[in-house]
C-alpha cells in the first residue's frame, strides 16, 4: 500500500512539474519551440477562454517569456524608439508589476514592419537579460533592479535588429547585428563582462547606394551531441558551430544566401538552417570539423523558396514550417528535405515561429489567427482560433496557458472552466 501511494505521489509530482513548465526565453525551455505541457486549450476567440488581456504601449514583435508568476516582455514605449522598456506582469491577471524604461537619443534605423525592441528577453529565474539594440544590453533582477548593462555601440541596418539573447550556464550569448560591424559575443551573466567575441566579416547597413542587402537576425542555439556542447549560428551564406566556452570555431557549412532570419533547428545529430527572402535551405550533420560542406551536408535547396522569417519545428524526423510569404505551410523530411505537403496554404503570412505541444502544432499568422494542426506527415487542421489583432510574435506556453503578443495587447489564453475552479 505504501509503495502504491508513493508511486501515485511521484506521478502527481511529475505531472505537476510538466504542467508548471516555465517559458524562459525565445522559443521556450529548450530554444526549439517545444513544450512538454499537455491539455492546452484548443478553442478561443477575442472573448472566449481569454483569462486576461493587457493593453500594451504600442506595437511590437518580441515574444513574452514566463517564469513562475511573472511574465516579461520588451517594448518600445514610443514609435521613434526613444524609450525602450522591459515590462514585468503578473501571470495571474496581467497587471503590470514593474516597468524599467531606458532612454535612447541616438539614431537607429529600422523598417516600419519591425518595431523597436523586437528582441525577446531571457531569464534564469534570478535575472532577466534584454537587448535594446543600439541602447545596449541590460540585466535586471526579478524585482526590476538593474544588475549590469553593456553597450556595443550603434547597430545600424536599414531593417533594424531583432536577435534575442540566450542564457546557457554562466554565459549570455547574443548576435550583435546586422550591420557593418557584426559579431557573436559571450558575456558573464552575473556581471556583464565580455568573455569572447567572434567577428563576422562582410557586413552591411544597406543604407548607402550600392550596398548589398545582407545580414542575420538569427538567434543562436546551444546543442549537445555526445556530451559536447556546440553554439550554432546561422550567418549570411554559412552556418557555423562554436565552442560555447572559448568562442573557437568547430566547423562551418556553406549554402545559405545573404539574408537569414530563422534560428537553427536541431534534432540529434542533424541541424537545419534556412535563409530568408526566398533563399536557400540546408541540413547538415553536426559532428564534423573545419569545413563540412562536402562531407556532412545532407541536402541543399537552392530553388526559390517561400519567404521565411519565423522558425520551424522538428518532430519525429519531420520539419514543420509556417512561412511568411506566401503564407504556406510545409512538412519536410529531415533526411531528404522533400516537401510532403506540397505548398499547402494556411491563412495569411506567418512571421512568428511555430510552437509544439502534446502532438500538436500552433502557427499564428499576421491576422491573429492561430491554426492548430496534428504534428503528422498527413496534413490535418484541428482548429482555427482568431483574436482579430495583428500578430508578428511567437506564442509562449506556460502553466496550461497560451500567451499571444499582438500589436495591441498581451493575451493570456486558458481554459476558463478550469481556472474558475
Protein backbone atom coordinates (compact mmCIF):
# COMPACT_ATOMS: atom_id res chain seq x y z
CA UNK A 1 0.00 0.00 0.00
CA UNK A 2 2.84 2.35 0.93
CA UNK A 3 4.64 1.69 -2.35
CA UNK A 4 1.46 2.25 -4.36
CA UNK A 5 0.80 5.55 -2.54
CA UNK A 6 4.42 6.61 -3.10
CA UNK A 7 4.19 5.79 -6.82
CA UNK A 8 0.99 7.80 -7.18
CA UNK A 9 2.54 10.74 -5.30
CA UNK A 10 5.59 10.70 -7.56
CA UNK A 11 3.38 10.52 -10.64
CA UNK A 12 1.36 13.51 -9.49
CA UNK A 13 4.56 15.41 -8.73
CA UNK A 14 5.86 14.76 -12.24
CA UNK A 15 2.54 15.81 -13.75
CA UNK A 16 2.67 18.99 -11.72
CA UNK A 17 6.20 19.72 -12.89
CA UNK A 18 5.19 19.28 -16.52
CA UNK A 19 2.10 21.43 -16.09
CA UNK A 20 4.06 24.20 -14.40
CA UNK A 21 6.72 24.49 -17.10
CA UNK A 22 8.32 27.91 -17.49
CA UNK A 23 8.97 29.55 -20.85
CA UNK A 24 12.23 31.36 -20.07
CA UNK A 25 13.38 32.69 -23.44
CA UNK A 26 12.88 32.84 -27.18
CA UNK A 27 11.37 29.54 -28.34
CA UNK A 28 10.91 28.14 -24.84
CA UNK A 29 12.81 25.94 -22.36
CA UNK A 30 14.97 24.20 -24.99
CA UNK A 31 15.06 27.04 -27.54
CA UNK A 32 13.33 24.77 -30.06
CA UNK A 33 9.69 25.86 -29.79
CA UNK A 34 8.62 22.71 -27.96
CA UNK A 35 6.62 22.48 -24.74
CA UNK A 36 6.13 19.35 -22.62
CA UNK A 37 2.76 20.57 -21.35
CA UNK A 38 -0.47 18.80 -22.19
CA UNK A 39 -4.19 19.60 -22.39
CA UNK A 40 -3.79 23.17 -23.62
CA UNK A 41 -6.95 24.97 -24.73
CA UNK A 42 -7.97 24.11 -28.29
CA UNK A 43 -10.63 26.78 -28.71
CA UNK A 44 -10.56 30.52 -28.14
CA UNK A 45 -11.59 33.83 -29.66
CA UNK A 46 -11.33 37.52 -28.73
CA UNK A 47 -13.76 36.79 -25.87
CA UNK A 48 -13.84 33.02 -25.27
CA UNK A 49 -11.22 31.43 -22.98
CA UNK A 50 -9.46 34.78 -22.55
CA UNK A 51 -8.25 34.81 -18.95
CA UNK A 52 -6.96 38.35 -19.37
CA UNK A 53 -5.53 40.78 -21.88
CA UNK A 54 -3.35 43.77 -21.11
CA UNK A 55 -3.08 46.88 -23.26
CA UNK A 56 0.47 47.50 -24.49
CA UNK A 57 2.03 50.94 -25.10
CA UNK A 58 2.50 50.22 -28.79
CA UNK A 59 3.19 47.59 -31.46
CA UNK A 60 5.95 45.03 -31.06
CA UNK A 61 7.27 41.74 -32.34
CA UNK A 62 9.15 40.36 -29.32
CA UNK A 63 7.67 37.33 -27.58
CA UNK A 64 6.62 37.08 -23.93
CA UNK A 65 8.62 34.92 -21.53
CA UNK A 66 7.27 33.40 -18.31
CA UNK A 67 8.90 32.39 -15.03
CA UNK A 68 6.52 31.17 -12.32
CA UNK A 69 4.07 34.04 -11.65
CA UNK A 70 5.87 36.67 -13.74
CA UNK A 71 5.60 37.49 -17.43
CA UNK A 72 8.26 39.65 -19.10
CA UNK A 73 8.05 41.47 -22.40
CA UNK A 74 10.20 44.07 -24.15
CA UNK A 75 8.50 47.10 -25.60
CA UNK A 76 9.20 50.40 -27.32
CA UNK A 77 7.12 52.95 -25.45
CA UNK A 78 7.11 55.39 -28.38
CA UNK A 79 7.15 54.86 -32.13
CA UNK A 80 10.54 56.54 -32.53
CA UNK A 81 12.26 54.13 -30.13
CA UNK A 82 13.41 56.87 -27.77
CA UNK A 83 12.05 55.00 -24.76
CA UNK A 84 12.64 51.23 -24.60
CA UNK A 85 11.16 49.24 -21.76
CA UNK A 86 11.10 45.86 -20.08
CA UNK A 87 7.70 45.13 -18.54
CA UNK A 88 7.04 42.63 -15.76
CA UNK A 89 3.41 41.49 -15.49
CA UNK A 90 1.51 39.33 -13.04
CA UNK A 91 0.78 36.00 -14.71
CA UNK A 92 -2.49 35.61 -12.81
CA UNK A 93 -4.20 38.81 -14.01
CA UNK A 94 -1.89 40.67 -16.43
CA UNK A 95 -1.36 43.69 -14.20
CA UNK A 96 2.00 45.46 -14.54
CA UNK A 97 4.21 44.73 -11.50
CA UNK A 98 7.09 46.92 -12.65
CA UNK A 99 8.47 48.61 -15.74
CA UNK A 100 12.03 49.72 -16.49
CA UNK A 101 12.50 52.26 -19.27
CA UNK A 102 15.78 53.11 -20.98
CA UNK A 103 16.17 56.45 -22.76
CA UNK A 104 17.89 56.37 -26.16
CA UNK A 105 18.56 59.61 -28.06
CA UNK A 106 20.76 58.21 -30.81
CA UNK A 107 19.79 57.25 -34.33
CA UNK A 108 18.89 53.68 -35.20
CA UNK A 109 17.10 52.90 -38.47
CA UNK A 110 14.51 50.18 -38.75
CA UNK A 111 11.72 49.14 -41.07
CA UNK A 112 8.07 50.01 -40.44
CA UNK A 113 7.32 46.29 -40.14
CA UNK A 114 9.99 45.82 -37.45
CA UNK A 115 9.12 47.99 -34.40
CA UNK A 116 11.92 48.74 -31.97
CA UNK A 117 12.60 46.21 -29.20
CA UNK A 118 11.94 43.13 -31.32
CA UNK A 119 14.42 41.11 -29.27
CA UNK A 120 12.83 38.65 -26.81
CA UNK A 121 14.20 38.76 -23.21
CA UNK A 122 15.59 35.71 -21.39
CA UNK A 123 15.60 34.71 -17.71
CA UNK A 124 17.04 32.03 -15.43
CA UNK A 125 14.72 32.86 -12.52
CA UNK A 126 17.30 35.12 -10.86
CA UNK A 127 17.92 37.69 -13.56
CA UNK A 128 16.34 38.93 -16.80
CA UNK A 129 18.53 39.93 -19.74
CA UNK A 130 17.15 42.07 -22.54
CA UNK A 131 18.69 43.60 -25.65
CA UNK A 132 17.53 47.09 -26.58
CA UNK A 133 19.56 47.20 -29.79
CA UNK A 134 21.73 50.32 -30.02
CA UNK A 135 20.61 51.28 -26.50
CA UNK A 136 22.54 48.32 -25.09
CA UNK A 137 22.07 45.04 -23.25
CA UNK A 138 20.59 45.27 -19.74
CA UNK A 139 20.31 42.80 -16.89
CA UNK A 140 17.75 43.19 -14.08
CA UNK A 141 16.90 41.04 -11.09
CA UNK A 142 13.37 39.67 -10.77
CA UNK A 143 12.28 42.79 -8.86
CA UNK A 144 13.49 45.16 -11.57
CA UNK A 145 16.77 46.28 -10.00
CA UNK A 146 19.49 46.90 -12.57
CA UNK A 147 22.43 44.47 -12.15
CA UNK A 148 24.55 45.48 -15.13
CA UNK A 149 24.47 46.96 -18.61
CA UNK A 150 26.67 46.65 -21.68
CA UNK A 151 26.72 48.90 -24.74
CA UNK A 152 28.22 47.68 -28.02
CA UNK A 153 27.58 50.90 -29.90
CA UNK A 154 25.12 51.55 -32.73
CA UNK A 155 23.56 48.57 -34.51
CA UNK A 156 22.81 50.05 -37.90
CA UNK A 157 20.85 48.28 -40.61
CA UNK A 158 18.09 49.55 -42.86
CA UNK A 159 15.72 46.89 -41.46
CA UNK A 160 16.72 47.17 -37.79
CA UNK A 161 17.69 44.34 -35.44
CA UNK A 162 15.86 41.52 -33.62
CA UNK A 163 18.19 38.73 -32.42
CA UNK A 164 17.48 37.58 -28.85
CA UNK A 165 19.94 36.87 -26.02
CA UNK A 166 20.49 33.25 -24.96
CA UNK A 167 21.39 32.10 -21.43
CA UNK A 168 23.43 28.93 -21.02
CA UNK A 169 25.49 28.07 -17.96
CA UNK A 170 27.22 31.24 -16.80
CA UNK A 171 27.08 32.84 -20.24
CA UNK A 172 24.86 35.21 -22.19
CA UNK A 173 25.18 34.83 -25.96
CA UNK A 174 23.98 37.46 -28.41
CA UNK A 175 24.22 38.12 -32.14
CA UNK A 176 25.20 41.81 -32.35
CA UNK A 177 23.96 42.95 -35.75
CA UNK A 178 23.18 43.02 -38.54
CA UNK A 179 25.30 45.92 -39.79
CA UNK A 180 28.78 46.77 -40.98
CA UNK A 181 30.02 45.59 -37.60
CA UNK A 182 28.57 42.15 -36.86
CA UNK A 183 29.75 39.70 -34.22
CA UNK A 184 28.71 36.95 -31.84
CA UNK A 185 29.51 37.79 -28.22
CA UNK A 186 29.57 35.92 -24.91
CA UNK A 187 29.08 37.77 -21.61
CA UNK A 188 29.36 36.73 -17.98
CA UNK A 189 25.71 36.59 -16.92
CA UNK A 190 26.45 37.77 -13.37
CA UNK A 191 28.47 40.93 -14.11
CA UNK A 192 28.16 41.51 -17.88
CA UNK A 193 31.90 41.20 -18.54
CA UNK A 194 32.73 40.30 -22.12
CA UNK A 195 34.26 36.81 -22.30
CA UNK A 196 34.81 36.48 -26.03
CA UNK A 197 33.59 37.69 -29.40
CA UNK A 198 33.94 36.40 -32.93
CA UNK A 199 33.57 38.90 -35.75
CA UNK A 200 31.61 38.05 -38.88
CA UNK A 201 33.14 39.79 -41.94
CA UNK A 202 31.35 41.31 -44.88
CA UNK A 203 28.59 43.15 -43.03
CA UNK A 204 26.46 45.91 -44.49
CA UNK A 205 23.97 48.51 -43.27
CA UNK A 206 22.26 48.58 -46.72
CA UNK A 207 21.74 52.33 -46.19
CA UNK A 208 24.14 53.56 -48.85
CA UNK A 209 23.55 53.23 -52.56
CA UNK A 210 25.11 50.08 -53.91
CA UNK A 211 25.48 48.38 -50.55
CA UNK A 212 24.28 44.76 -50.60
CA UNK A 213 21.25 43.56 -48.66
CA UNK A 214 22.95 41.22 -46.26
CA UNK A 215 22.52 40.28 -42.63
CA UNK A 216 21.48 37.78 -40.00
CA UNK A 217 18.69 38.32 -37.48
CA UNK A 218 19.07 34.74 -36.27
CA UNK A 219 19.21 33.80 -32.59
CA UNK A 220 21.96 31.28 -31.72
CA UNK A 221 21.14 27.85 -30.31
CA UNK A 222 23.12 25.60 -27.97
CA UNK A 223 23.09 21.90 -28.89
CA UNK A 224 24.62 18.90 -27.12
CA UNK A 225 25.98 15.93 -29.04
CA UNK A 226 27.55 13.06 -27.11
CA UNK A 227 28.36 15.27 -24.14
CA UNK A 228 29.86 18.08 -26.24
CA UNK A 229 28.09 21.45 -26.33
CA UNK A 230 28.04 23.46 -29.53
CA UNK A 231 26.86 27.02 -30.12
CA UNK A 232 25.18 27.03 -33.54
CA UNK A 233 24.63 30.19 -35.55
CA UNK A 234 23.17 30.91 -38.99
CA UNK A 235 25.05 33.68 -40.82
CA UNK A 236 24.76 35.02 -44.36
CA UNK A 237 25.93 32.23 -46.68
CA UNK A 238 27.16 29.92 -43.89
CA UNK A 239 26.25 28.01 -40.74
CA UNK A 240 28.90 27.92 -38.03
CA UNK A 241 29.49 25.92 -34.86
CA UNK A 242 31.46 27.42 -31.97
CA UNK A 243 32.81 26.20 -28.64
CA UNK A 244 30.46 27.92 -26.14
CA UNK A 245 33.24 28.43 -23.57
CA UNK A 246 36.02 29.77 -25.79
CA UNK A 247 34.28 31.00 -28.92
CA UNK A 248 36.61 28.98 -31.16
CA UNK A 249 35.23 27.69 -34.45
CA UNK A 250 34.38 23.97 -34.61
CA UNK A 251 33.09 23.74 -38.17
CA UNK A 252 31.45 25.67 -40.98
CA UNK A 253 28.91 24.63 -43.63
CA UNK A 254 28.19 26.77 -46.69
CA UNK A 255 24.96 27.02 -48.64
CA UNK A 256 22.78 29.79 -47.24
CA UNK A 257 22.07 33.05 -49.04
CA UNK A 258 22.69 36.62 -47.88
CA UNK A 259 19.63 37.20 -45.67
CA UNK A 260 18.88 34.98 -42.67
CA UNK A 261 16.03 35.39 -40.16
CA UNK A 262 15.30 31.92 -38.79
CA UNK A 263 17.11 30.21 -35.92
CA UNK A 264 18.89 26.86 -36.32
CA UNK A 265 16.76 23.74 -35.83
CA UNK A 266 18.43 20.72 -34.24
CA UNK A 267 17.40 17.11 -33.70
CA UNK A 268 20.03 14.61 -32.61
CA UNK A 269 22.99 14.83 -34.95
CA UNK A 270 21.25 16.97 -37.57
CA UNK A 271 20.86 20.73 -37.93
CA UNK A 272 18.62 22.59 -40.37
CA UNK A 273 19.25 26.19 -41.42
CA UNK A 274 17.11 28.35 -43.70
CA UNK A 275 17.64 31.64 -45.50
CA UNK A 276 15.02 34.34 -45.80
CA UNK A 277 13.80 36.32 -48.79
CA UNK A 278 13.14 33.19 -50.90
CA UNK A 279 16.69 31.96 -50.29
CA UNK A 280 18.23 28.54 -49.85
CA UNK A 281 18.00 25.96 -47.06
CA UNK A 282 20.20 23.10 -45.92
CA UNK A 283 20.63 20.26 -43.44
CA UNK A 284 23.97 19.13 -42.08
CA UNK A 285 25.35 16.68 -39.54
CA UNK A 286 26.92 18.48 -36.59
CA UNK A 287 29.74 16.06 -35.69
CA UNK A 288 32.32 17.36 -38.15
CA UNK A 289 35.42 19.56 -38.05
CA UNK A 290 36.53 22.55 -40.15
CA UNK A 291 34.66 22.85 -43.47
CA UNK A 292 31.93 20.18 -43.61
CA UNK A 293 30.10 21.42 -46.72
CA UNK A 294 31.01 18.44 -48.89
CA UNK A 295 31.36 15.82 -46.16
CA UNK A 296 28.39 16.36 -43.82
CA UNK A 297 25.72 18.32 -45.68
CA UNK A 298 22.68 16.10 -46.19
CA UNK A 299 20.70 18.24 -48.61
CA UNK A 300 20.71 21.73 -50.07
CA UNK A 301 17.71 23.54 -51.58
CA UNK A 302 18.65 26.32 -53.97
CA UNK A 303 15.37 26.75 -55.85
CA UNK A 304 13.21 29.74 -55.00
CA UNK A 305 11.64 29.05 -51.61
CA UNK A 306 8.96 30.80 -49.56
CA UNK A 307 9.90 33.91 -47.58
CA UNK A 308 10.99 32.61 -44.16
CA UNK A 309 11.08 34.76 -41.03
CA UNK A 310 9.78 32.61 -38.16
CA UNK A 311 11.47 29.32 -37.25
CA UNK A 312 10.02 25.84 -37.55
CA UNK A 313 9.71 22.64 -35.53
CA UNK A 314 11.49 19.32 -35.94
CA UNK A 315 9.38 16.41 -34.70
CA UNK A 316 9.66 12.69 -35.44
CA UNK A 317 12.03 13.20 -38.34
CA UNK A 318 9.90 15.90 -40.00
CA UNK A 319 10.45 19.67 -40.33
CA UNK A 320 7.31 21.78 -39.99
CA UNK A 321 7.42 25.39 -41.24
CA UNK A 322 4.85 28.19 -41.37
CA UNK A 323 6.19 30.71 -43.85
CA UNK A 324 5.99 34.48 -44.22
CA UNK A 325 5.21 34.87 -47.85
CA UNK A 326 3.24 33.41 -49.35
CA UNK A 327 1.51 32.07 -46.23
CA UNK A 328 2.12 28.43 -46.99
CA UNK A 329 2.95 25.69 -44.52
CA UNK A 330 5.35 22.83 -45.08
CA UNK A 331 6.20 19.39 -43.77
CA UNK A 332 9.63 18.31 -44.98
CA UNK A 333 11.51 15.09 -44.49
CA UNK A 334 14.52 15.77 -42.27
CA UNK A 335 16.83 13.39 -44.13
CA UNK A 336 15.97 14.45 -47.68
CA UNK A 337 14.33 17.87 -47.43
CA UNK A 338 11.39 16.70 -49.56
CA UNK A 339 8.19 18.73 -49.05
CA UNK A 340 5.46 16.23 -48.15
CA UNK A 341 2.62 18.78 -48.13
CA UNK A 342 3.41 20.37 -51.50
CA UNK A 343 2.66 24.07 -50.91
CA UNK A 344 -0.29 23.70 -48.57
CA UNK A 345 -1.69 27.18 -47.83
CA UNK A 346 -2.70 28.21 -44.33
CA UNK A 347 -4.06 31.71 -43.73
CA UNK A 348 -2.08 34.91 -44.13
CA UNK A 349 1.68 35.40 -43.77
CA UNK A 350 3.33 33.90 -40.68
CA UNK A 351 6.08 35.99 -39.06
CA UNK A 352 6.14 34.32 -35.65
CA UNK A 353 7.79 30.95 -35.03
CA UNK A 354 5.78 27.75 -34.79
CA UNK A 355 5.35 26.03 -31.40
CA UNK A 356 4.63 22.42 -30.46
CA UNK A 357 2.80 20.78 -27.56
CA UNK A 358 1.28 17.34 -26.99
CA UNK A 359 1.36 16.20 -30.62
CA UNK A 360 0.02 19.50 -31.95
CA UNK A 361 1.48 22.40 -33.90
CA UNK A 362 0.45 26.01 -33.31
CA UNK A 363 1.01 28.55 -36.10
CA UNK A 364 -0.22 32.15 -35.78
CA UNK A 365 -0.46 34.41 -38.83
CA UNK A 366 -0.39 38.21 -39.04
CA UNK A 367 -4.19 38.40 -38.88
CA UNK A 368 -4.08 36.98 -35.35
CA UNK A 369 -5.43 33.60 -36.48
CA UNK A 370 -3.84 30.59 -34.77
CA UNK A 371 -4.03 27.31 -36.65
CA UNK A 372 -3.71 24.09 -34.66
CA UNK A 373 -2.56 21.06 -36.65
CA UNK A 374 -1.57 17.50 -35.98
CA UNK A 375 2.20 17.10 -35.89
CA UNK A 376 1.99 14.41 -38.56
CA UNK A 377 3.14 13.95 -42.16
CA UNK A 378 -0.57 13.81 -43.05
CA UNK A 379 -1.96 17.35 -43.14
CA UNK A 380 -4.81 17.71 -40.65
CA UNK A 381 -6.14 21.03 -39.42
CA UNK A 382 -7.76 20.67 -35.99
CA UNK A 383 -8.85 24.20 -35.25
CA UNK A 384 -8.62 27.87 -36.24
CA UNK A 385 -8.82 30.48 -33.47
CA UNK A 386 -8.93 34.24 -34.01
CA UNK A 387 -8.28 37.26 -31.79
CA UNK A 388 -8.66 39.82 -34.57
CA UNK A 389 -5.39 41.70 -33.94
CA UNK A 390 -2.11 41.87 -35.85
CA UNK A 391 0.47 39.36 -34.55
CA UNK A 392 4.14 39.06 -35.52
CA UNK A 393 5.42 37.49 -32.28
CA UNK A 394 5.79 33.82 -31.43
CA UNK A 395 3.43 32.17 -28.93
CA UNK A 396 4.59 31.23 -25.43
CA UNK A 397 3.24 28.30 -23.39
CA UNK A 398 3.32 28.04 -19.60
CA UNK A 399 1.23 26.60 -16.76
CA UNK A 400 -1.57 25.43 -19.04
CA UNK A 401 -1.92 28.79 -20.80
CA UNK A 402 -1.01 30.21 -24.20
CA UNK A 403 0.36 33.76 -24.32
CA UNK A 404 -0.11 35.80 -27.50
CA UNK A 405 1.54 39.16 -28.05
CA UNK A 406 -0.34 41.26 -30.62
CA UNK A 407 0.36 44.83 -31.70
CA UNK A 408 -2.29 46.00 -29.22
CA UNK A 409 -2.37 43.57 -26.26
CA UNK A 410 -0.72 40.76 -24.42
CA UNK A 411 -3.28 37.93 -24.25
CA UNK A 412 -3.44 35.05 -21.81
CA UNK A 413 -5.49 32.18 -23.23
CA UNK A 414 -6.62 29.38 -20.91
CA UNK A 415 -9.50 27.07 -20.11
CA UNK A 416 -11.94 29.39 -18.32
CA UNK A 417 -13.75 26.48 -16.64
CA UNK A 418 -10.54 25.05 -15.16
CA UNK A 419 -9.31 28.42 -13.97
CA UNK A 420 -12.62 29.21 -12.26
CA UNK A 421 -12.37 26.13 -10.05
